């Protein structure tokens, strides 16, 4: 369900105009050999998606990238935040700004590294433990 259902169709029509540029950037990133450069370019691409695709925020852009095979991002929503609050890793954010999203994602990256999981896999495990649902 879209938060602004009347805007969804308009956003999709606008995004469709960008599909060739998005596809080209994805292919360029997939072909990169240097892992560090690839990660940096993925971060830049996510920021570009948020800035240029109307209706996409950090969560949605991260979700899109996860769905096409990039597990370098966390999909942070209130379920994930609640787990981190429960274990006193973060304080409950009043608003999930881009800055706060990136801060929480860095914390999750650190945890993922400690438990030897890709960030996207850790996020999925946390989601499942909170919701009992694997659909994400």
N, C-alpha and C. Protein backbone atom coordinates (compact mmCIF):
# COMPACT_ATOMS: atom_id res chain seq x y z
N UNK A 1 0.84 -1.17 0.00
CA UNK A 1 0.00 0.00 0.00
C UNK A 1 0.89 1.24 0.00
N UNK A 2 0.58 2.15 -0.84
CA UNK A 2 1.35 3.36 -0.98
C UNK A 2 0.83 4.42 -0.03
N UNK A 3 1.74 5.14 0.57
CA UNK A 3 1.36 6.14 1.56
C UNK A 3 0.48 7.25 0.96
N UNK A 4 0.74 7.58 -0.29
CA UNK A 4 -0.05 8.60 -0.99
C UNK A 4 -0.63 7.97 -2.25
N UNK A 5 -1.74 7.22 -2.13
CA UNK A 5 -2.25 6.44 -3.26
C UNK A 5 -2.60 7.27 -4.49
N UNK A 6 -3.03 8.49 -4.32
CA UNK A 6 -3.38 9.30 -5.47
C UNK A 6 -2.15 9.74 -6.26
N UNK A 7 -1.00 9.76 -5.63
CA UNK A 7 0.23 10.18 -6.29
C UNK A 7 0.97 9.01 -6.93
N UNK A 8 0.67 7.78 -6.51
CA UNK A 8 1.43 6.61 -6.96
C UNK A 8 1.50 6.51 -8.48
N UNK A 9 0.37 6.59 -9.16
CA UNK A 9 0.36 6.45 -10.61
C UNK A 9 1.20 7.54 -11.27
N UNK A 10 1.08 8.74 -10.77
CA UNK A 10 1.85 9.85 -11.34
C UNK A 10 3.35 9.61 -11.15
N UNK A 11 3.74 9.13 -9.98
CA UNK A 11 5.15 8.84 -9.71
C UNK A 11 5.67 7.74 -10.63
N UNK A 12 4.85 6.72 -10.85
CA UNK A 12 5.27 5.62 -11.72
C UNK A 12 5.46 6.09 -13.16
N UNK A 13 4.56 6.94 -13.63
CA UNK A 13 4.68 7.47 -14.99
C UNK A 13 5.96 8.30 -15.11
N UNK A 14 6.24 9.11 -14.10
CA UNK A 14 7.48 9.91 -14.11
C UNK A 14 8.71 9.02 -14.07
N UNK A 15 8.69 8.00 -13.24
CA UNK A 15 9.84 7.09 -13.11
C UNK A 15 10.07 6.31 -14.40
N UNK A 16 9.00 5.98 -15.07
CA UNK A 16 9.12 5.23 -16.33
C UNK A 16 9.96 5.99 -17.35
N UNK A 17 9.90 7.31 -17.32
CA UNK A 17 10.68 8.13 -18.24
C UNK A 17 12.18 7.98 -18.00
N UNK A 18 12.54 7.50 -16.83
CA UNK A 18 13.95 7.39 -16.45
C UNK A 18 14.47 5.96 -16.55
N UNK A 19 13.66 5.04 -17.03
CA UNK A 19 14.03 3.63 -16.98
C UNK A 19 15.32 3.32 -17.73
N UNK A 20 15.58 3.97 -18.85
CA UNK A 20 16.80 3.68 -19.61
C UNK A 20 18.03 4.16 -18.86
N UNK A 21 17.95 5.32 -18.27
CA UNK A 21 19.07 5.84 -17.49
C UNK A 21 19.32 4.96 -16.26
N UNK A 22 18.25 4.56 -15.60
CA UNK A 22 18.39 3.69 -14.43
C UNK A 22 19.00 2.36 -14.84
N UNK A 23 18.50 1.76 -15.91
CA UNK A 23 19.01 0.48 -16.40
C UNK A 23 20.51 0.60 -16.75
N UNK A 24 20.87 1.66 -17.44
CA UNK A 24 22.27 1.85 -17.83
C UNK A 24 23.17 1.96 -16.60
N UNK A 25 22.75 2.71 -15.62
CA UNK A 25 23.56 2.86 -14.40
C UNK A 25 23.70 1.53 -13.66
N UNK A 26 22.63 0.76 -13.61
CA UNK A 26 22.69 -0.55 -12.97
C UNK A 26 23.70 -1.45 -13.68
N UNK A 27 23.64 -1.47 -14.99
CA UNK A 27 24.57 -2.30 -15.76
C UNK A 27 26.02 -1.87 -15.54
N UNK A 28 26.26 -0.57 -15.52
CA UNK A 28 27.62 -0.06 -15.29
C UNK A 28 28.13 -0.50 -13.91
N UNK A 29 27.28 -0.43 -12.92
CA UNK A 29 27.67 -0.83 -11.56
C UNK A 29 27.94 -2.34 -11.52
N UNK A 30 27.09 -3.13 -12.13
CA UNK A 30 27.27 -4.58 -12.12
C UNK A 30 28.58 -4.99 -12.78
N UNK A 31 29.03 -4.23 -13.77
CA UNK A 31 30.26 -4.57 -14.49
C UNK A 31 31.53 -4.13 -13.76
N UNK A 32 31.40 -3.33 -12.74
CA UNK A 32 32.57 -2.85 -12.01
C UNK A 32 33.27 -4.01 -11.31
N UNK A 33 34.58 -4.02 -11.39
CA UNK A 33 35.37 -5.09 -10.78
C UNK A 33 35.86 -4.73 -9.39
N UNK A 34 36.23 -3.48 -9.18
CA UNK A 34 36.77 -3.03 -7.89
C UNK A 34 35.62 -2.92 -6.89
N UNK A 35 35.67 -3.73 -5.83
CA UNK A 35 34.57 -3.77 -4.85
C UNK A 35 34.37 -2.44 -4.15
N UNK A 36 35.45 -1.77 -3.79
CA UNK A 36 35.33 -0.49 -3.08
C UNK A 36 34.67 0.56 -3.98
N UNK A 37 35.10 0.62 -5.22
CA UNK A 37 34.51 1.57 -6.18
C UNK A 37 33.04 1.23 -6.41
N UNK A 38 32.76 -0.06 -6.52
CA UNK A 38 31.38 -0.51 -6.75
C UNK A 38 30.48 -0.10 -5.58
N UNK A 39 30.95 -0.30 -4.34
CA UNK A 39 30.16 0.09 -3.16
C UNK A 39 29.91 1.59 -3.14
N UNK A 40 30.94 2.36 -3.45
CA UNK A 40 30.79 3.81 -3.48
C UNK A 40 29.80 4.23 -4.56
N UNK A 41 29.90 3.62 -5.71
CA UNK A 41 28.98 3.96 -6.80
C UNK A 41 27.55 3.54 -6.47
N UNK A 42 27.39 2.43 -5.76
CA UNK A 42 26.04 2.02 -5.33
C UNK A 42 25.46 3.04 -4.36
N UNK A 43 26.28 3.53 -3.43
CA UNK A 43 25.82 4.57 -2.50
C UNK A 43 25.39 5.83 -3.27
N UNK A 44 26.22 6.21 -4.23
CA UNK A 44 25.90 7.38 -5.05
C UNK A 44 24.61 7.16 -5.85
N UNK A 45 24.45 5.95 -6.36
CA UNK A 45 23.27 5.63 -7.15
C UNK A 45 22.01 5.69 -6.29
N UNK A 46 22.10 5.15 -5.08
CA UNK A 46 20.94 5.23 -4.19
C UNK A 46 20.58 6.69 -3.92
N UNK A 47 21.57 7.50 -3.63
CA UNK A 47 21.31 8.94 -3.40
C UNK A 47 20.70 9.57 -4.64
N UNK A 48 21.19 9.18 -5.80
CA UNK A 48 20.65 9.71 -7.06
C UNK A 48 19.19 9.30 -7.21
N UNK A 49 18.87 8.04 -6.91
CA UNK A 49 17.48 7.58 -7.01
C UNK A 49 16.57 8.42 -6.09
N UNK A 50 17.02 8.63 -4.86
CA UNK A 50 16.22 9.40 -3.89
C UNK A 50 16.00 10.82 -4.41
N UNK A 51 17.04 11.39 -4.98
CA UNK A 51 16.96 12.78 -5.45
C UNK A 51 16.15 12.91 -6.73
N UNK A 52 16.22 11.92 -7.61
CA UNK A 52 15.69 12.08 -8.96
C UNK A 52 14.41 11.30 -9.27
N UNK A 53 14.09 10.30 -8.47
CA UNK A 53 12.87 9.53 -8.72
C UNK A 53 11.84 9.95 -7.68
N UNK A 54 10.89 10.72 -8.14
CA UNK A 54 9.88 11.26 -7.24
C UNK A 54 9.12 10.13 -6.55
N UNK A 55 8.97 10.27 -5.24
CA UNK A 55 8.26 9.27 -4.46
C UNK A 55 9.17 8.24 -3.81
N UNK A 56 10.45 8.23 -4.17
CA UNK A 56 11.39 7.28 -3.56
C UNK A 56 12.15 7.98 -2.44
N UNK A 57 12.12 7.36 -1.27
CA UNK A 57 12.94 7.81 -0.16
C UNK A 57 14.06 6.79 0.04
N UNK A 58 14.78 6.92 1.13
CA UNK A 58 15.89 6.01 1.41
C UNK A 58 15.42 4.56 1.50
N UNK A 59 14.34 4.34 2.21
CA UNK A 59 13.83 2.98 2.38
C UNK A 59 13.44 2.36 1.04
N UNK A 60 12.71 3.10 0.24
CA UNK A 60 12.23 2.57 -1.03
C UNK A 60 13.37 2.36 -2.01
N UNK A 61 14.33 3.29 -2.04
CA UNK A 61 15.48 3.13 -2.93
C UNK A 61 16.31 1.92 -2.50
N UNK A 62 16.48 1.74 -1.20
CA UNK A 62 17.21 0.58 -0.69
C UNK A 62 16.47 -0.71 -1.04
N UNK A 63 15.16 -0.68 -0.92
CA UNK A 63 14.35 -1.85 -1.25
C UNK A 63 14.49 -2.19 -2.73
N UNK A 64 14.43 -1.19 -3.58
CA UNK A 64 14.60 -1.39 -5.02
C UNK A 64 15.95 -2.05 -5.30
N UNK A 65 17.01 -1.50 -4.72
CA UNK A 65 18.34 -2.05 -4.97
C UNK A 65 18.47 -3.47 -4.44
N UNK A 66 17.86 -3.77 -3.30
CA UNK A 66 17.87 -5.13 -2.77
C UNK A 66 17.17 -6.07 -3.73
N UNK A 67 16.04 -5.62 -4.26
CA UNK A 67 15.25 -6.47 -5.15
C UNK A 67 15.98 -6.80 -6.45
N UNK A 68 16.96 -5.99 -6.83
CA UNK A 68 17.70 -6.29 -8.06
C UNK A 68 19.07 -6.89 -7.75
N UNK A 69 19.27 -7.29 -6.48
CA UNK A 69 20.45 -8.08 -6.17
C UNK A 69 21.59 -7.40 -5.44
N UNK A 70 21.40 -6.19 -4.96
CA UNK A 70 22.44 -5.50 -4.22
C UNK A 70 22.10 -5.55 -2.73
N UNK A 71 22.88 -6.29 -1.95
CA UNK A 71 22.59 -6.51 -0.54
C UNK A 71 23.42 -5.61 0.37
N UNK A 72 23.87 -4.49 -0.15
CA UNK A 72 24.72 -3.56 0.59
C UNK A 72 23.93 -2.54 1.40
N UNK A 73 22.62 -2.67 1.39
CA UNK A 73 21.77 -1.67 2.02
C UNK A 73 20.80 -2.32 3.01
N UNK A 74 20.44 -1.53 4.02
CA UNK A 74 19.41 -1.97 4.96
C UNK A 74 18.10 -1.29 4.60
N UNK A 75 17.04 -2.03 4.75
CA UNK A 75 15.71 -1.46 4.59
C UNK A 75 15.23 -1.15 6.00
N UNK A 76 15.38 0.09 6.38
CA UNK A 76 15.10 0.48 7.76
C UNK A 76 13.68 1.03 7.85
N UNK A 77 12.87 0.35 8.64
CA UNK A 77 11.52 0.82 8.91
C UNK A 77 11.31 0.71 10.42
N UNK A 78 10.09 0.92 10.87
CA UNK A 78 9.87 0.92 12.31
C UNK A 78 10.11 -0.45 12.94
N UNK A 79 9.96 -1.54 12.18
CA UNK A 79 10.24 -2.87 12.74
C UNK A 79 11.73 -2.99 13.09
N UNK A 80 12.58 -2.59 12.18
CA UNK A 80 14.03 -2.68 12.40
C UNK A 80 14.43 -1.70 13.51
N UNK A 81 13.91 -0.49 13.45
CA UNK A 81 14.23 0.50 14.49
C UNK A 81 13.79 0.00 15.87
N UNK A 82 12.62 -0.63 15.94
CA UNK A 82 12.13 -1.14 17.23
C UNK A 82 13.05 -2.18 17.83
N UNK A 83 13.61 -3.04 17.00
CA UNK A 83 14.56 -4.05 17.49
C UNK A 83 15.79 -3.35 18.08
N UNK A 84 16.30 -2.38 17.37
CA UNK A 84 17.50 -1.67 17.84
C UNK A 84 17.21 -0.88 19.11
N UNK A 85 16.02 -0.35 19.22
CA UNK A 85 15.61 0.36 20.44
C UNK A 85 15.48 -0.64 21.59
N UNK A 86 14.85 -1.77 21.32
CA UNK A 86 14.63 -2.80 22.33
C UNK A 86 15.94 -3.24 22.99
N UNK A 87 16.98 -3.34 22.19
CA UNK A 87 18.29 -3.76 22.71
C UNK A 87 19.20 -2.58 23.06
N UNK A 88 18.59 -1.39 23.13
CA UNK A 88 19.28 -0.17 23.54
C UNK A 88 20.50 0.15 22.67
N UNK A 89 20.38 -0.16 21.39
CA UNK A 89 21.44 0.15 20.44
C UNK A 89 21.25 1.58 19.91
N UNK A 90 20.00 1.99 19.76
CA UNK A 90 19.67 3.35 19.35
C UNK A 90 18.52 3.85 20.22
N UNK A 91 18.33 5.16 20.20
CA UNK A 91 17.12 5.74 20.76
C UNK A 91 16.10 5.83 19.64
N UNK A 92 14.84 5.67 20.00
CA UNK A 92 13.78 5.70 18.98
C UNK A 92 13.78 7.05 18.28
N UNK A 93 13.98 7.05 16.96
CA UNK A 93 13.97 8.33 16.24
C UNK A 93 12.55 8.88 16.12
N UNK A 94 12.43 10.20 16.31
CA UNK A 94 11.12 10.83 16.14
C UNK A 94 10.73 10.81 14.68
N UNK A 95 11.71 11.11 13.83
CA UNK A 95 11.52 11.13 12.38
C UNK A 95 12.73 10.44 11.76
N UNK A 96 12.50 9.65 10.74
CA UNK A 96 13.61 8.96 10.10
C UNK A 96 14.09 9.78 8.90
N UNK A 97 14.92 10.78 9.19
CA UNK A 97 15.50 11.61 8.14
C UNK A 97 16.56 10.82 7.39
N UNK A 98 17.02 11.36 6.28
CA UNK A 98 18.10 10.71 5.53
C UNK A 98 19.33 10.56 6.41
N UNK A 99 19.67 11.59 7.16
CA UNK A 99 20.83 11.54 8.04
C UNK A 99 20.68 10.44 9.09
N UNK A 100 19.51 10.35 9.71
CA UNK A 100 19.26 9.34 10.73
C UNK A 100 19.25 7.94 10.10
N UNK A 101 18.67 7.83 8.91
CA UNK A 101 18.65 6.56 8.19
C UNK A 101 20.08 6.06 7.98
N UNK A 102 20.96 6.95 7.51
CA UNK A 102 22.35 6.57 7.25
C UNK A 102 23.09 6.22 8.54
N UNK A 103 22.79 6.93 9.63
CA UNK A 103 23.41 6.61 10.92
C UNK A 103 23.02 5.21 11.38
N UNK A 104 21.74 4.89 11.29
CA UNK A 104 21.26 3.58 11.70
C UNK A 104 21.84 2.50 10.78
N UNK A 105 21.92 2.80 9.50
CA UNK A 105 22.48 1.85 8.56
C UNK A 105 23.95 1.55 8.89
N UNK A 106 24.71 2.55 9.30
CA UNK A 106 26.10 2.34 9.69
C UNK A 106 26.19 1.42 10.92
N UNK A 107 25.29 1.59 11.85
CA UNK A 107 25.25 0.72 13.03
C UNK A 107 24.96 -0.72 12.59
N UNK A 108 24.00 -0.87 11.70
CA UNK A 108 23.67 -2.21 11.20
C UNK A 108 24.83 -2.81 10.41
N UNK A 109 25.56 -1.99 9.66
CA UNK A 109 26.74 -2.49 8.94
C UNK A 109 27.76 -3.05 9.91
N UNK A 110 27.96 -2.34 11.00
CA UNK A 110 28.92 -2.79 12.01
C UNK A 110 28.48 -4.13 12.61
N UNK A 111 27.21 -4.25 12.91
CA UNK A 111 26.68 -5.51 13.46
C UNK A 111 26.82 -6.63 12.43
N UNK A 112 26.49 -6.33 11.17
CA UNK A 112 26.59 -7.33 10.10
C UNK A 112 28.02 -7.84 9.96
N UNK A 113 28.95 -6.92 10.05
CA UNK A 113 30.37 -7.31 9.95
C UNK A 113 30.75 -8.22 11.12
N UNK A 114 30.29 -7.89 12.32
CA UNK A 114 30.60 -8.68 13.51
C UNK A 114 30.06 -10.11 13.42
N UNK A 115 28.89 -10.26 12.81
CA UNK A 115 28.28 -11.59 12.72
C UNK A 115 28.50 -12.24 11.34
N UNK A 116 29.33 -11.59 10.53
CA UNK A 116 29.73 -12.11 9.22
C UNK A 116 28.54 -12.37 8.29
N UNK A 117 27.67 -11.37 8.19
CA UNK A 117 26.53 -11.43 7.27
C UNK A 117 26.53 -10.20 6.37
N UNK A 118 25.99 -10.36 5.17
CA UNK A 118 25.76 -9.19 4.34
C UNK A 118 24.70 -8.34 5.03
N UNK A 119 24.78 -7.04 4.86
CA UNK A 119 23.84 -6.13 5.51
C UNK A 119 22.40 -6.48 5.15
N UNK A 120 22.15 -6.75 3.91
CA UNK A 120 20.79 -7.09 3.48
C UNK A 120 20.27 -8.38 4.10
N UNK A 121 21.15 -9.31 4.36
CA UNK A 121 20.75 -10.57 5.00
C UNK A 121 20.44 -10.32 6.48
N UNK A 122 21.31 -9.56 7.15
CA UNK A 122 21.06 -9.21 8.55
C UNK A 122 19.70 -8.51 8.69
N UNK A 123 19.47 -7.56 7.83
CA UNK A 123 18.20 -6.82 7.85
C UNK A 123 17.02 -7.76 7.69
N UNK A 124 17.14 -8.72 6.79
CA UNK A 124 16.06 -9.68 6.57
C UNK A 124 15.83 -10.57 7.80
N UNK A 125 16.92 -10.98 8.44
CA UNK A 125 16.81 -11.78 9.66
C UNK A 125 16.12 -10.97 10.76
N UNK A 126 16.51 -9.72 10.92
CA UNK A 126 15.88 -8.85 11.92
C UNK A 126 14.39 -8.66 11.62
N UNK A 127 14.09 -8.42 10.35
CA UNK A 127 12.70 -8.24 9.93
C UNK A 127 11.88 -9.48 10.29
N UNK A 128 12.41 -10.65 9.97
CA UNK A 128 11.71 -11.89 10.25
C UNK A 128 11.52 -12.09 11.75
N UNK A 129 12.57 -11.79 12.52
CA UNK A 129 12.45 -11.99 13.96
C UNK A 129 11.40 -11.05 14.59
N UNK A 130 11.19 -9.91 13.98
CA UNK A 130 10.21 -8.95 14.49
C UNK A 130 8.80 -9.23 14.01
N UNK A 131 8.67 -9.66 12.73
CA UNK A 131 7.35 -9.80 12.13
C UNK A 131 6.88 -11.25 11.97
N UNK A 132 7.83 -12.19 11.96
CA UNK A 132 7.48 -13.58 11.67
C UNK A 132 7.13 -13.80 10.22
N UNK A 133 7.49 -12.83 9.39
CA UNK A 133 7.13 -12.85 7.97
C UNK A 133 8.40 -12.70 7.14
N UNK A 134 8.55 -13.50 6.11
CA UNK A 134 9.74 -13.43 5.26
C UNK A 134 9.52 -12.52 4.05
N UNK A 135 8.31 -12.10 3.79
CA UNK A 135 8.02 -11.23 2.65
C UNK A 135 8.52 -9.83 2.95
N UNK A 136 9.51 -9.40 2.19
CA UNK A 136 10.07 -8.06 2.41
C UNK A 136 10.47 -7.45 1.11
